[in-house]
C-alpha atoms as a PDB file:
ATOM      1  CA  MET A   1     -20.874  76.504  95.666  1.00  0.00           C
ATOM      2  CA  THR A   2     -20.261  80.200  94.914  1.00  0.00           C
ATOM      3  CA  HIS A   3     -17.551  81.846  96.977  1.00  0.00           C
ATOM      4  CA  ALA A   4     -18.708  84.914  98.922  1.00  0.00           C
ATOM      5  CA  TRP A   5     -15.916  87.235  97.829  1.00  0.00           C
ATOM      6  CA  GLN A   6     -15.201  90.233 100.022  1.00  0.00           C
ATOM      7  CA  VAL A   7     -14.843  93.461  98.064  1.00  0.00           C
ATOM      8  CA  THR A   8     -12.711  96.185  99.642  1.00  0.00           C
ATOM      9  CA  ARG A   9     -12.878  99.837  98.690  1.00  0.00           C
ATOM     10  CA  ALA A  10     -10.373 102.660  98.421  1.00  0.00           C
ATOM     11  CA  HIS A  11     -10.935 106.234  97.328  1.00  0.00           C
ATOM     12  CA  GLY A  12      -8.603 108.626  95.561  1.00  0.00           C
ATOM     13  CA  LEU A  13      -4.871 108.020  95.475  1.00  0.00           C
ATOM     14  CA  LEU A  14      -3.712 104.486  96.239  1.00  0.00           C
ATOM     15  CA  GLU A  15      -0.837 103.607  98.502  1.00  0.00           C
ATOM     16  CA  PRO A  16       2.259 102.654  96.423  1.00  0.00           C
ATOM     17  CA  ALA A  17       2.093  98.950  97.355  1.00  0.00           C
ATOM     18  CA  THR A  18      -1.581  98.702  96.409  1.00  0.00           C
ATOM     19  CA  ARG A  19      -1.031 100.677  93.214  1.00  0.00           C
ATOM     20  CA  ASP A  20       1.783  98.320  92.220  1.00  0.00           C
ATOM     21  CA  ALA A  21      -0.459  95.317  92.939  1.00  0.00           C
ATOM     22  CA  VAL A  22      -3.134  96.736  90.615  1.00  0.00           C
ATOM     23  CA  LEU A  23      -0.612  97.467  87.856  1.00  0.00           C
ATOM     24  CA  GLY A  24       0.785  93.961  88.294  1.00  0.00           C
ATOM     25  CA  LEU A  25      -2.693  92.465  87.899  1.00  0.00           C
ATOM     26  CA  ILE A  26      -3.247  94.529  84.742  1.00  0.00           C
ATOM     27  CA  ASN A  27       0.033  93.311  83.264  1.00  0.00           C
ATOM     28  CA  CYS A  28      -0.764  89.694  84.178  1.00  0.00           C
ATOM     29  CA  ALA A  29      -4.125  89.888  82.380  1.00  0.00           C
ATOM     30  CA  THR A  30      -2.495  91.609  79.400  1.00  0.00           C
ATOM     31  CA  ARG A  31       0.055  88.826  79.015  1.00  0.00           C
ATOM     32  CA  ASN A  32      -2.685  86.184  79.209  1.00  0.00           C
ATOM     33  CA  ASP A  33      -5.308  87.845  77.007  1.00  0.00           C
ATOM     34  CA  GLY A  34      -3.172  89.719  74.499  1.00  0.00           C
ATOM     35  CA  LEU A  35      -4.968  92.998  75.237  1.00  0.00           C
ATOM     36  CA  ARG A  36      -5.110  95.439  78.110  1.00  0.00           C
ATOM     37  CA  PRO A  37      -8.160  95.184  80.407  1.00  0.00           C
ATOM     38  CA  LEU A  38      -8.084  98.868  81.390  1.00  0.00           C
ATOM     39  CA  SER A  39      -7.955 101.922  79.174  1.00  0.00           C
ATOM     40  CA  GLU A  40      -4.863 104.053  78.860  1.00  0.00           C
ATOM     41  CA  HIS A  41      -6.684 106.858  80.698  1.00  0.00           C
ATOM     42  CA  ALA A  42      -7.347 104.689  83.748  1.00  0.00           C
ATOM     43  CA  THR A  43      -3.855 103.165  83.703  1.00  0.00           C
ATOM     44  CA  LEU A  44      -2.193 106.574  83.572  1.00  0.00           C
ATOM     45  CA  HIS A  45      -4.273 107.744  86.525  1.00  0.00           C
ATOM     46  CA  LEU A  46      -3.118 104.731  88.481  1.00  0.00           C
ATOM     47  CA  ARG A  47       0.509 105.233  87.579  1.00  0.00           C
ATOM     48  CA  TYR A  48       0.758 109.003  88.132  1.00  0.00           C
ATOM     49  CA  GLY A  49      -1.914 109.726  90.709  1.00  0.00           C
ATOM     50  CA  GLY A  50      -4.851 110.992  88.672  1.00  0.00           C
ATOM     51  CA  ASP A  51      -8.314 111.952  89.856  1.00  0.00           C
ATOM     52  CA  ARG A  52      -8.957 111.990  93.574  1.00  0.00           C
ATOM     53  CA  GLU A  53     -12.629 111.172  92.935  1.00  0.00           C
ATOM     54  CA  VAL A  54     -11.924 107.677  91.593  1.00  0.00           C
ATOM     55  CA  THR A  55     -13.139 104.707  93.630  1.00  0.00           C
ATOM     56  CA  HIS A  56     -11.109 101.482  93.606  1.00  0.00           C
ATOM     57  CA  LEU A  57     -12.802  98.141  94.245  1.00  0.00           C
ATOM     58  CA  MET A  58     -10.581  95.171  95.021  1.00  0.00           C
ATOM     59  CA  VAL A  59     -10.813  91.463  95.772  1.00  0.00           C
ATOM     60  CA  TRP A  60      -7.848  89.821  97.486  1.00  0.00           C
ATOM     61  CA  HIS A  61      -7.173  86.092  97.714  1.00  0.00           C
ATOM     62  CA  GLU A  62      -4.916  85.854 100.738  1.00  0.00           C
ATOM     63  CA  THR A  63      -2.168  88.353  99.821  1.00  0.00           C
ATOM     64  CA  VAL A  64      -2.735  88.338  96.048  1.00  0.00           C
ATOM     65  CA  LEU A  65      -4.950  90.866  94.270  1.00  0.00           C
ATOM     66  CA  VAL A  66      -7.258  88.833  92.041  1.00  0.00           C
ATOM     67  CA  GLY A  67      -9.910  91.372  91.031  1.00  0.00           C
ATOM     68  CA  TYR A  68     -10.082  95.118  90.497  1.00  0.00           C
ATOM     69  CA  VAL A  69     -12.546  97.762  89.315  1.00  0.00           C
ATOM     70  CA  HIS A  70     -11.613 101.330  88.408  1.00  0.00           C
ATOM     71  CA  LEU A  71     -14.775 103.369  89.068  1.00  0.00           C
ATOM     72  CA  ASP A  72     -14.482 106.883  87.655  1.00  0.00           C
ATOM     73  CA  THR A  73     -17.211 109.294  88.738  1.00  0.00           C
ATOM     74  CA  THR A  74     -15.633 112.485  87.358  1.00  0.00           C
ATOM     75  CA  ASP A  75     -17.418 112.690  83.980  1.00  0.00           C
ATOM     76  CA  GLU A  76     -20.467 114.846  84.627  1.00  0.00           C
ATOM     77  CA  VAL A  77     -21.575 114.650  80.981  1.00  0.00           C
ATOM     78  CA  GLN A  78     -21.331 110.946  80.179  1.00  0.00           C
ATOM     79  CA  GLY A  79     -21.726 109.709  83.739  1.00  0.00           C
ATOM     80  CA  PRO A  80     -19.710 107.264  85.877  1.00  0.00           C
ATOM     81  CA  SER A  81     -17.753 104.522  84.138  1.00  0.00           C
ATOM     82  CA  ALA A  82     -16.189 101.274  85.337  1.00  0.00           C
ATOM     83  CA  GLU A  83     -13.454  99.016  83.994  1.00  0.00           C
ATOM     84  CA  ILE A  84     -12.820  95.583  85.450  1.00  0.00           C
ATOM     85  CA  VAL A  85      -9.997  93.041  85.493  1.00  0.00           C
ATOM     86  CA  VAL A  86      -9.892  89.566  87.059  1.00  0.00           C
ATOM     87  CA  HIS A  87      -6.764  87.441  87.448  1.00  0.00           C
ATOM     88  CA  PRO A  88      -6.642  84.827  84.644  1.00  0.00           C
ATOM     89  CA  GLU A  89      -6.301  81.937  87.123  1.00  0.00           C
ATOM     90  CA  MET A  90      -9.278  83.117  89.194  1.00  0.00           C
ATOM     91  CA  ARG A  91     -11.942  83.615  86.555  1.00  0.00           C
ATOM     92  CA  LYS A  92     -15.381  81.976  86.504  1.00  0.00           C
ATOM     93  CA  ARG A  93     -15.493  82.038  90.306  1.00  0.00           C
ATOM     94  CA  GLY A  94     -17.844  84.984  90.760  1.00  0.00           C
ATOM     95  CA  ILE A  95     -15.193  87.659  91.316  1.00  0.00           C
ATOM     96  CA  GLY A  96     -16.293  89.778  88.357  1.00  0.00           C
ATOM     97  CA  ALA A  97     -19.928  89.525  89.426  1.00  0.00           C
ATOM     98  CA  ALA A  98     -19.093  90.523  93.009  1.00  0.00           C
ATOM     99  CA  LEU A  99     -17.131  93.573  91.857  1.00  0.00           C
ATOM    100  CA  THR A 100     -19.861  94.626  89.421  1.00  0.00           C
ATOM    101  CA  ASP A 101     -22.560  94.300  92.091  1.00  0.00           C
ATOM    102  CA  VAL A 102     -20.660  96.616  94.437  1.00  0.00           C
ATOM    103  CA  ALA A 103     -20.113  99.142  91.638  1.00  0.00           C
ATOM    104  CA  LEU A 104     -23.858  99.136  90.951  1.00  0.00           C
ATOM    105  CA  GLU A 105     -24.583  99.483  94.665  1.00  0.00           C
ATOM    106  CA  ILE A 106     -22.334 102.547  94.867  1.00  0.00           C
ATOM    107  CA  GLN A 107     -24.016 104.186  91.877  1.00  0.00           C
ATOM    108  CA  GLY A 108     -27.520 103.549  93.159  1.00  0.00           C
ATOM    109  CA  SER A 109     -30.078 105.043  90.756  1.00  0.00           C
ATOM    110  CA  ARG A 110     -27.462 106.729  88.558  1.00  0.00           C
ATOM    111  CA  PRO A 111     -26.586 105.165  85.179  1.00  0.00           C
ATOM    112  CA  LEU A 112     -23.312 103.249  85.097  1.00  0.00           C
ATOM    113  CA  ARG A 113     -21.124 102.670  82.034  1.00  0.00           C
ATOM    114  CA  LEU A 114     -19.035  99.499  81.854  1.00  0.00           C
ATOM    115  CA  TRP A 115     -16.208  99.148  79.326  1.00  0.00           C
ATOM    116  CA  ALA A 116     -15.215  95.700  78.065  1.00  0.00           C
ATOM    117  CA  HIS A 117     -11.934  95.725  76.158  1.00  0.00           C
ATOM    118  CA  GLY A 118     -12.349  92.992  73.599  1.00  0.00           C
ATOM    119  CA  ASP A 119     -15.799  91.795  72.574  1.00  0.00           C
ATOM    120  CA  SER A 120     -15.664  88.590  74.614  1.00  0.00           C
ATOM    121  CA  PRO A 121     -18.657  86.295  75.283  1.00  0.00           C
ATOM    122  CA  GLU A 122     -17.729  86.255  78.992  1.00  0.00           C
ATOM    123  CA  ALA A 123     -17.992  90.050  79.276  1.00  0.00           C
ATOM    124  CA  ALA A 124     -21.261  90.055  77.360  1.00  0.00           C
ATOM    125  CA  SER A 125     -22.684  87.349  79.628  1.00  0.00           C
ATOM    126  CA  LEU A 126     -21.716  89.223  82.797  1.00  0.00           C
ATOM    127  CA  ALA A 127     -23.183  92.453  81.434  1.00  0.00           C
ATOM    128  CA  ARG A 128     -26.498  90.826  80.510  1.00  0.00           C
ATOM    129  CA  ALA A 129     -26.769  89.042  83.853  1.00  0.00           C
ATOM    130  CA  ARG A 130     -26.353  92.357  85.696  1.00  0.00           C
ATOM    131  CA  GLY A 131     -28.857  94.301  83.567  1.00  0.00           C
ATOM    132  CA  PHE A 132     -26.455  96.146  81.266  1.00  0.00           C
ATOM    133  CA  SER A 133     -27.268  96.788  77.624  1.00  0.00           C
ATOM    134  CA  ARG A 134     -24.829  97.171  74.742  1.00  0.00           C
ATOM    135  CA  HIS A 135     -24.515 100.884  73.985  1.00  0.00           C
ATOM    136  CA  ARG A 136     -21.437 101.621  71.878  1.00  0.00           C
ATOM    137  CA  SER A 137     -18.669  99.761  70.043  1.00  0.00           C
ATOM    138  CA  LEU A 138     -15.144 101.009  69.450  1.00  0.00           C
ATOM    139  CA  LEU A 139     -13.548  99.329  66.457  1.00  0.00           C
ATOM    140  CA  GLN A 140      -9.832  98.566  66.261  1.00  0.00           C
ATOM    141  CA  MET A 141      -8.509  98.573  62.698  1.00  0.00           C
ATOM    142  CA  ARG A 142      -5.061  97.574  61.438  1.00  0.00           C
ATOM    143  CA  ARG A 143      -2.930  97.990  58.328  1.00  0.00           C
ATOM    144  CA  SER A 144       0.392  96.613  57.112  1.00  0.00           C
ATOM    145  CA  LEU A 145       3.087  99.239  56.659  1.00  0.00           C
ATOM    146  CA  TYR A 146       4.654  97.109  53.934  1.00  0.00           C
ATOM    147  CA  ALA A 147       1.765  97.992  51.635  1.00  0.00           C
ATOM    148  CA  PRO A 148       2.261 101.118  49.483  1.00  0.00           C
ATOM    149  CA  LEU A 149       1.134 104.484  50.853  1.00  0.00           C
ATOM    150  CA  PRO A 150      -0.486 107.232  48.778  1.00  0.00           C
ATOM    151  CA  LYS A 151       1.093 110.684  48.577  1.00  0.00           C
ATOM    152  CA  ALA A 152       0.281 113.166  51.322  1.00  0.00           C
ATOM    153  CA  LEU A 153      -1.413 116.121  49.596  1.00  0.00           C
ATOM    154  CA  LEU A 154      -1.648 119.043  52.021  1.00  0.00           C
ATOM    155  CA  PRO A 155      -4.177 121.832  51.475  1.00  0.00           C
ATOM    156  CA  LYS A 156      -2.775 125.104  50.148  1.00  0.00           C
ATOM    157  CA  GLY A 157      -1.157 127.248  52.832  1.00  0.00           C
ATOM    158  CA  VAL A 158      -0.867 124.419  55.366  1.00  0.00           C
ATOM    159  CA  SER A 159       2.467 123.132  56.650  1.00  0.00           C
ATOM    160  CA  VAL A 160       3.296 120.296  59.046  1.00  0.00           C
ATOM    161  CA  ARG A 161       5.930 120.158  61.782  1.00  0.00           C
ATOM    162  CA  SER A 162       6.645 118.286  65.005  1.00  0.00           C
ATOM    163  CA  PHE A 163       5.170 119.289  68.359  1.00  0.00           C
ATOM    164  CA  ASN A 164       7.303 121.656  70.450  1.00  0.00           C
ATOM    165  CA  VAL A 165       7.184 120.590  74.101  1.00  0.00           C
ATOM    166  CA  GLY A 166       6.773 123.599  76.384  1.00  0.00           C
ATOM    167  CA  GLU A 167       5.315 125.769  73.617  1.00  0.00           C
ATOM    168  CA  ASP A 168       2.410 124.021  71.875  1.00  0.00           C
ATOM    169  CA  GLU A 169       0.450 122.594  74.806  1.00  0.00           C
ATOM    170  CA  SER A 170      -2.268 125.276  75.058  1.00  0.00           C
ATOM    171  CA  ALA A 171      -2.854 125.515  71.313  1.00  0.00           C
ATOM    172  CA  TRP A 172      -2.890 121.731  70.953  1.00  0.00           C
ATOM    173  CA  LEU A 173      -5.443 121.322  73.755  1.00  0.00           C
ATOM    174  CA  ALA A 174      -7.695 123.967  72.160  1.00  0.00           C
ATOM    175  CA  LEU A 175      -7.508 122.107  68.835  1.00  0.00           C
ATOM    176  CA  ASN A 176      -8.181 118.770  70.547  1.00  0.00           C
ATOM    177  CA  SER A 177     -11.218 120.229  72.335  1.00  0.00           C
ATOM    178  CA  GLU A 178     -12.647 121.565  69.070  1.00  0.00           C
ATOM    179  CA  ALA A 179     -11.912 118.469  67.005  1.00  0.00           C
ATOM    180  CA  PHE A 180     -13.445 116.109  69.580  1.00  0.00           C
ATOM    181  CA  ALA A 181     -16.273 118.217  70.966  1.00  0.00           C
ATOM    182  CA  HIS A 182     -18.595 115.248  70.317  1.00  0.00           C
ATOM    183  CA  LEU A 183     -16.361 112.852  72.306  1.00  0.00           C
ATOM    184  CA  PRO A 184     -15.862 114.222  75.846  1.00  0.00           C
ATOM    185  CA  ASP A 185     -13.514 111.372  76.803  1.00  0.00           C
ATOM    186  CA  GLN A 186     -11.021 112.748  74.274  1.00  0.00           C
ATOM    187  CA  GLY A 187     -12.028 116.389  73.849  1.00  0.00           C
ATOM    188  CA  GLY A 188     -12.099 116.954  77.594  1.00  0.00           C
ATOM    189  CA  TRP A 189      -8.377 116.419  78.090  1.00  0.00           C
ATOM    190  CA  THR A 190      -6.777 118.854  80.527  1.00  0.00           C
ATOM    191  CA  LEU A 191      -3.192 120.051  80.653  1.00  0.00           C
ATOM    192  CA  ALA A 192      -2.507 117.387  83.287  1.00  0.00           C
ATOM    193  CA  ASP A 193      -3.906 114.695  80.959  1.00  0.00           C
ATOM    194  CA  LEU A 194      -1.620 115.870  78.158  1.00  0.00           C
ATOM    195  CA  GLN A 195       1.457 116.193  80.350  1.00  0.00           C
ATOM    196  CA  ALA A 196       0.976 112.673  81.733  1.00  0.00           C
ATOM    197  CA  ARG A 197       1.247 111.340  78.200  1.00  0.00           C
ATOM    198  CA  LEU A 198       4.182 113.569  77.301  1.00  0.00           C
ATOM    199  CA  GLN A 199       6.208 111.926  80.070  1.00  0.00           C
ATOM    200  CA  GLU A 200       5.370 108.351  79.068  1.00  0.00           C
ATOM    201  CA  PRO A 201       8.300 106.209  77.831  1.00  0.00           C
ATOM    202  CA  TRP A 202       6.698 105.829  74.414  1.00  0.00           C
ATOM    203  CA  PHE A 203       6.382 109.576  73.764  1.00  0.00           C
ATOM    204  CA  ASP A 204       8.390 110.828  70.785  1.00  0.00           C
ATOM    205  CA  PRO A 205       8.030 114.530  69.835  1.00  0.00           C
ATOM    206  CA  ALA A 206       8.859 113.639  66.217  1.00  0.00           C
ATOM    207  CA  GLY A 207       5.795 111.406  66.161  1.00  0.00           C
ATOM    208  CA  LEU A 208       3.398 114.155  67.267  1.00  0.00           C
ATOM    209  CA  LEU A 209       2.651 116.065  64.083  1.00  0.00           C
ATOM    210  CA  VAL A 210       0.843 119.409  64.025  1.00  0.00           C
ATOM    211  CA  ALA A 211      -0.485 121.221  60.965  1.00  0.00           C
ATOM    212  CA  GLN A 212      -0.562 125.024  60.933  1.00  0.00           C
ATOM    213  CA  ASP A 213      -1.997 127.607  58.573  1.00  0.00           C
ATOM    214  CA  VAL A 214      -0.155 130.600  57.126  1.00  0.00           C
ATOM    215  CA  ASN A 215      -0.729 132.503  60.379  1.00  0.00           C
ATOM    216  CA  GLY A 216       0.801 129.748  62.493  1.00  0.00           C
ATOM    217  CA  ALA A 217      -2.527 128.628  64.012  1.00  0.00           C
ATOM    218  CA  LEU A 218      -2.920 124.895  64.553  1.00  0.00           C
ATOM    219  CA  VAL A 219      -5.540 123.359  62.272  1.00  0.00           C
ATOM    220  CA  GLY A 220      -4.777 119.649  62.610  1.00  0.00           C
ATOM    221  CA  THR A 221      -2.762 117.025  64.437  1.00  0.00           C
ATOM    222  CA  HIS A 222      -1.699 113.412  64.084  1.00  0.00           C
ATOM    223  CA  TRP A 223      -0.143 111.916  67.177  1.00  0.00           C
ATOM    224  CA  THR A 224       1.437 108.541  66.500  1.00  0.00           C
ATOM    225  CA  LYS A 225       2.372 106.023  69.154  1.00  0.00           C
ATOM    226  CA  VAL A 226       4.459 102.854  69.284  1.00  0.00           C
ATOM    227  CA  HIS A 227       3.242  99.897  71.362  1.00  0.00           C
ATOM    228  CA  GLY A 228       5.704  97.255  72.475  1.00  0.00           C
ATOM    229  CA  ALA A 229       8.885  99.329  72.327  1.00  0.00           C
ATOM    230  CA  ALA A 230      11.852  97.887  74.190  1.00  0.00           C
ATOM    231  CA  ASP A 231      11.622 100.505  76.942  1.00  0.00           C
ATOM    232  CA  HIS A 232       7.876 100.037  77.503  1.00  0.00           C
ATOM    233  CA  HIS A 233       7.437  97.204  80.020  1.00  0.00           C
ATOM    234  CA  ASP A 234       3.638  97.107  79.773  1.00  0.00           C
ATOM    235  CA  HIS A 235       3.568  95.414  76.377  1.00  0.00           C
ATOM    236  CA  VAL A 236       4.400  91.857  75.468  1.00  0.00           C
ATOM    237  CA  HIS A 237       4.223  91.764  71.679  1.00  0.00           C
ATOM    238  CA  ASP A 238       6.242  92.921  68.686  1.00  0.00           C
ATOM    239  CA  PRO A 239       6.162  96.711  68.219  1.00  0.00           C
ATOM    240  CA  VAL A 240       3.104  98.071  66.426  1.00  0.00           C
ATOM    241  CA  GLY A 241       2.349 101.673  65.546  1.00  0.00           C
ATOM    242  CA  GLU A 242      -0.873 103.486  66.342  1.00  0.00           C
ATOM    243  CA  VAL A 243      -2.819 106.374  64.891  1.00  0.00           C
ATOM    244  CA  TYR A 244      -3.211 107.648  68.439  1.00  0.00           C
ATOM    245  CA  VAL A 245      -4.916 111.034  68.007  1.00  0.00           C
ATOM    246  CA  LEU A 246      -6.016 112.373  64.631  1.00  0.00           C
ATOM    247  CA  GLY A 247      -7.936 115.633  64.748  1.00  0.00           C
ATOM    248  CA  VAL A 248      -8.788 118.484  62.397  1.00  0.00           C
ATOM    249  CA  ALA A 249     -10.141 121.953  63.206  1.00  0.00           C
ATOM    250  CA  ASP A 250     -13.668 122.696  62.030  1.00  0.00           C
ATOM    251  CA  ARG A 251     -12.477 125.226  59.438  1.00  0.00           C
ATOM    252  CA  ALA A 252     -10.134 122.641  57.885  1.00  0.00           C
ATOM    253  CA  ARG A 253     -12.670 119.853  57.480  1.00  0.00           C
ATOM    254  CA  GLY A 254     -13.326 118.708  53.942  1.00  0.00           C
ATOM    255  CA  THR A 255      -9.938 119.919  52.701  1.00  0.00           C
ATOM    256  CA  GLY A 256      -8.183 116.572  52.708  1.00  0.00           C
ATOM    257  CA  LEU A 257      -6.027 117.548  55.681  1.00  0.00           C
ATOM    258  CA  GLY A 258      -7.071 114.550  57.763  1.00  0.00           C
ATOM    259  CA  ARG A 259      -6.074 112.087  55.040  1.00  0.00           C
ATOM    260  CA  ALA A 260      -2.779 113.884  54.435  1.00  0.00           C
ATOM    261  CA  LEU A 261      -1.925 113.890  58.155  1.00  0.00           C
ATOM    262  CA  THR A 262      -2.776 110.200  58.359  1.00  0.00           C
ATOM    263  CA  VAL A 263      -0.392 109.377  55.523  1.00  0.00           C
ATOM    264  CA  LEU A 264       2.415 111.504  57.007  1.00  0.00           C
ATOM    265  CA  GLY A 265       2.019 109.726  60.333  1.00  0.00           C
ATOM    266  CA  LEU A 266       2.089 106.325  58.656  1.00  0.00           C
ATOM    267  CA  GLU A 267       5.250 107.325  56.818  1.00  0.00           C
ATOM    268  CA  HIS A 268       6.821 108.289  60.156  1.00  0.00           C
ATOM    269  CA  LEU A 269       5.946 104.905  61.676  1.00  0.00           C
ATOM    270  CA  ARG A 270       7.206 103.052  58.601  1.00  0.00           C
ATOM    271  CA  ASP A 271      10.479 104.987  58.737  1.00  0.00           C
ATOM    272  CA  LYS A 272      10.919 103.743  62.326  1.00  0.00           C
ATOM    273  CA  GLY A 273      11.010 100.198  60.956  1.00  0.00           C
ATOM    274  CA  LEU A 274       7.537  99.115  62.069  1.00  0.00           C
ATOM    275  CA  ASP A 275       5.573  96.682  59.944  1.00  0.00           C
ATOM    276  CA  ALA A 276       1.999  97.330  61.164  1.00  0.00           C
ATOM    277  CA  VAL A 277      -0.204 100.119  62.491  1.00  0.00           C
ATOM    278  CA  MET A 278      -3.497 100.183  64.391  1.00  0.00           C
ATOM    279  CA  LEU A 279      -6.185 102.718  65.262  1.00  0.00           C
ATOM    280  CA  TYR A 280      -9.475 103.002  67.135  1.00  0.00           C
ATOM    281  CA  VAL A 281     -12.644 104.453  65.655  1.00  0.00           C
ATOM    282  CA  ASP A 282     -16.259 104.487  66.799  1.00  0.00           C
ATOM    283  CA  ALA A 283     -18.082 101.717  64.964  1.00  0.00           C
ATOM    284  CA  SER A 284     -20.906 104.148  64.139  1.00  0.00           C
ATOM    285  CA  ASN A 285     -18.548 106.625  62.427  1.00  0.00           C
ATOM    286  CA  SER A 286     -19.069 105.275  58.930  1.00  0.00           C
ATOM    287  CA  ALA A 287     -17.419 108.279  57.255  1.00  0.00           C
ATOM    288  CA  ALA A 288     -14.147 107.826  59.171  1.00  0.00           C
ATOM    289  CA  ILE A 289     -14.200 104.062  58.671  1.00  0.00           C
ATOM    290  CA  LYS A 290     -14.599 104.607  54.924  1.00  0.00           C
ATOM    291  CA  VAL A 291     -11.548 106.895  54.900  1.00  0.00           C
ATOM    292  CA  TYR A 292      -9.471 104.372  56.843  1.00  0.00           C
ATOM    293  CA  GLU A 293     -10.592 101.508  54.624  1.00  0.00           C
ATOM    294  CA  GLY A 294      -9.522 103.607  51.661  1.00  0.00           C
ATOM    295  CA  LEU A 295      -6.066 103.753  53.215  1.00  0.00           C
ATOM    296  CA  GLY A 296      -5.901  99.976  53.586  1.00  0.00           C
ATOM    297  CA  PHE A 297      -7.125  99.488  57.170  1.00  0.00           C
ATOM    298  CA  THR A 298      -9.326  96.498  58.023  1.00  0.00           C
ATOM    299  CA  ALA A 299     -11.277  95.518  61.163  1.00  0.00           C
ATOM    300  CA  TRP A 300      -9.234  93.725  63.852  1.00  0.00           C
ATOM    301  CA  ASP A 301     -11.031  93.808  67.242  1.00  0.00           C
ATOM    302  CA  THR A 302     -13.799  95.602  69.153  1.00  0.00           C
ATOM    303  CA  ASP A 303     -14.196  97.283  72.555  1.00  0.00           C
ATOM    304  CA  VAL A 304     -17.751  97.482  73.880  1.00  0.00           C
ATOM    305  CA  LEU A 305     -19.439  99.998  76.156  1.00  0.00           C
ATOM    306  CA  TYR A 306     -22.332  98.607  78.223  1.00  0.00           C
ATOM    307  CA  VAL A 307     -24.752 100.859  80.092  1.00  0.00           C
ATOM    308  CA  HIS A 308     -26.854 100.087  83.160  1.00  0.00           C
ATOM    309  CA  THR A 309     -29.719 102.547  83.656  1.00  0.00           C
ATOM    310  CA  ALA A 310     -31.921 103.202  86.646  1.00  0.00           C
ATOM    311  CA  GLY A 311     -34.548 100.522  87.066  1.00  0.00           C
ATOM    312  CA  ALA A 312     -32.713  98.037  84.850  1.00  0.00           C
END
């Protein structure tokens, strides 16, 4: 017999106790599954406040939070998106289905995007049963840092330095917006989005590289990140580096700057004593995947975006 789970709703900023319960559930699922069930963007919003337009859907079993949906309705271009997590010991009991049904009810006739972190059969089954279709795949690639790295050949007139906190924010955001104009989730970052990341425990100014031309204008960036550092309680694995943000201005495309910045970032991570590095790239971006494969990266895992459209 299917349990009739009661789904509660909250809007905007969560009370500290509820926020901590959600973060605890996320960490529990991460330890069990080996990957995080919510994106960094959603997790940062939970931790630091974030958008007041977010809707939180929750299922409690007595006093324990066993299911959660982060429903973000702020993206006017791509539309609302949802991310879901269910306690590992409470899965296959209809909690995910109950949360998804309420999210669909809230959206009504509007399309709803549903992210599944990790291309699991369970997520695919839930999506199909609720009328979602597979829309986009985000590929995770990895590379050993023990393998040799090519030389970083910068274009003429371009130099690379570390990010200066308190000075480079506006110029970096303008570059990010230009480089990722086709990806609103990334290119739409605000100053608040950037500052939230600058205050994270993993942030290292030396690992945020910026390339500038002879006039001092930013033309590229490679922001590296370290997962699993000793001071980062959210991770439960050996440290691994990440090509976190790699962007090049339109006028610098085709010059080899992106490849050079990638290599310099990998050298930085290797110098920190790490033995592996990861990155995310859209599975349809064959040109970028070819570049990364040329640098020794291979496919590791996949995140999937499902979309539910009106009338589905």
